[in-house]
Amino acid sequence: MLDWIRAYVAKHGYAPTHQEIADGMEVSKTAVVAHIANLIRGGALERRKGVRARAIALPGAESIGLDDAVRVAGGACGVCSKKIVRQLRKLPRRG
């Protein structure tokens, strides 16, 4: 399950919901909740405080602000940086 979550985050840029994990792995949501609790206890995942949906996070995953991301994207070609900024604006905000 951890590998599936890592792949999802790499593809989408944000964590999956429990239901998305259940659907993607073809297991019950109850099984997902139990397994995620074990992964959190073991330190393989973290739970973001103050967040209900998509509250799991990979430890050590650094989040950067939009301003920093735009500055990095500015080094890319004009068309690429515009696409990157559009995608970044779609990401859920961290509280």
Protein backbone atom coordinates (compact mmCIF):
# COMPACT_ATOMS: atom_id res chain seq x y z
CA MET A 1 0.00 0.00 0.00
CA LEU A 2 2.86 2.37 0.77
CA ASP A 3 4.27 1.95 -2.74
CA TRP A 4 0.81 2.63 -4.20
CA ILE A 5 0.53 5.83 -2.13
CA ARG A 6 4.02 6.95 -3.19
CA ALA A 7 3.15 6.38 -6.85
CA TYR A 8 -0.12 8.29 -6.47
CA VAL A 9 1.64 11.27 -4.85
CA ALA A 10 4.33 11.24 -7.54
CA LYS A 11 1.70 11.25 -10.27
CA HIS A 12 -0.80 13.71 -8.78
CA GLY A 13 1.28 15.87 -6.45
CA TYR A 14 -1.00 15.28 -3.45
CA ALA A 15 -2.10 12.40 -1.24
CA PRO A 16 -4.96 10.08 -2.15
CA THR A 17 -8.13 9.76 -0.08
CA HIS A 18 -8.85 6.51 1.71
CA GLN A 19 -11.54 5.76 -0.88
CA GLU A 20 -9.13 6.35 -3.78
CA ILE A 21 -6.66 3.94 -2.18
CA ALA A 22 -9.41 1.35 -1.65
CA ASP A 23 -10.61 1.68 -5.25
CA GLY A 24 -7.09 1.66 -6.69
CA MET A 25 -5.97 -1.35 -4.72
CA GLU A 26 -9.32 -3.15 -4.86
CA VAL A 27 -9.58 -3.56 -1.08
CA SER A 28 -12.12 -2.36 1.45
CA LYS A 29 -11.96 1.13 2.89
CA THR A 30 -11.85 -0.48 6.34
CA ALA A 31 -8.68 -2.34 5.35
CA VAL A 32 -7.16 0.90 4.09
CA VAL A 33 -7.92 2.74 7.34
CA ALA A 34 -6.37 -0.05 9.42
CA HIS A 35 -3.27 -0.33 7.23
CA ILE A 36 -2.73 3.43 7.15
CA ALA A 37 -2.97 3.53 10.96
CA ASN A 38 -0.22 0.89 11.10
CA LEU A 39 1.93 2.80 8.61
CA ILE A 40 1.54 5.98 10.68
CA ARG A 41 2.44 4.11 13.90
CA GLY A 42 5.49 2.68 12.16
CA GLY A 43 6.59 6.08 10.88
CA ALA A 44 6.15 5.26 7.19
CA LEU A 45 3.38 7.88 6.87
CA GLU A 46 2.41 11.00 8.76
CA ARG A 47 -1.02 12.49 9.40
CA ARG A 48 -1.26 16.21 8.64
CA LYS A 49 -2.77 18.10 11.55
CA GLY A 50 -5.94 20.11 10.97
CA VAL A 51 -6.70 18.38 7.68
CA ARG A 52 -9.53 15.91 7.16
CA ALA A 53 -9.35 14.90 3.50
CA ARG A 54 -6.01 13.82 2.02
CA ALA A 55 -4.47 14.06 5.49
CA ILE A 56 -1.73 11.49 4.98
CA ALA A 57 1.75 12.62 4.02
CA LEU A 58 5.05 10.94 3.27
CA PRO A 59 7.63 11.75 5.97
CA GLY A 60 10.26 14.20 4.88
CA ALA A 61 8.19 15.39 1.93
CA GLU A 62 8.99 19.07 1.75
CA SER A 63 6.20 21.39 0.77
CA ILE A 64 7.07 24.70 -0.80
CA GLY A 65 4.97 27.77 -1.18
CA LEU A 66 3.56 28.91 -4.48
CA ASP A 67 5.95 31.88 -4.63
CA ASP A 68 8.95 29.56 -4.31
CA ALA A 69 7.55 27.23 -6.95
CA VAL A 70 6.94 30.10 -9.36
CA ARG A 71 10.50 31.29 -8.84
CA VAL A 72 11.79 27.79 -9.67
CA ALA A 73 9.47 27.51 -12.66
CA GLY A 74 10.72 30.88 -13.88
CA GLY A 75 13.99 29.20 -14.77
CA ALA A 76 12.17 26.92 -17.20
CA CYS A 77 11.09 27.93 -20.69
CA GLY A 78 8.16 30.35 -20.83
CA VAL A 79 5.62 27.76 -21.98
CA CYS A 80 6.81 25.19 -19.41
CA SER A 81 6.73 27.64 -16.52
CA LYS A 82 3.16 28.72 -17.37
CA LYS A 83 2.05 25.07 -17.36
CA ILE A 84 3.84 24.42 -14.09
CA VAL A 85 2.25 27.44 -12.41
CA ARG A 86 -1.23 26.38 -13.60
CA GLN A 87 -0.69 22.91 -12.13
CA LEU A 88 0.68 24.31 -8.86
CA ARG A 89 -2.35 26.53 -8.43
CA LYS A 90 -4.57 23.41 -8.56
CA LEU A 91 -2.80 21.77 -5.61
CA PRO A 92 -4.65 21.73 -2.28
CA ARG A 93 -3.45 24.39 0.14
CA ARG A 94 -1.78 23.30 3.35
CA GLY A 95 -3.32 24.78 6.44
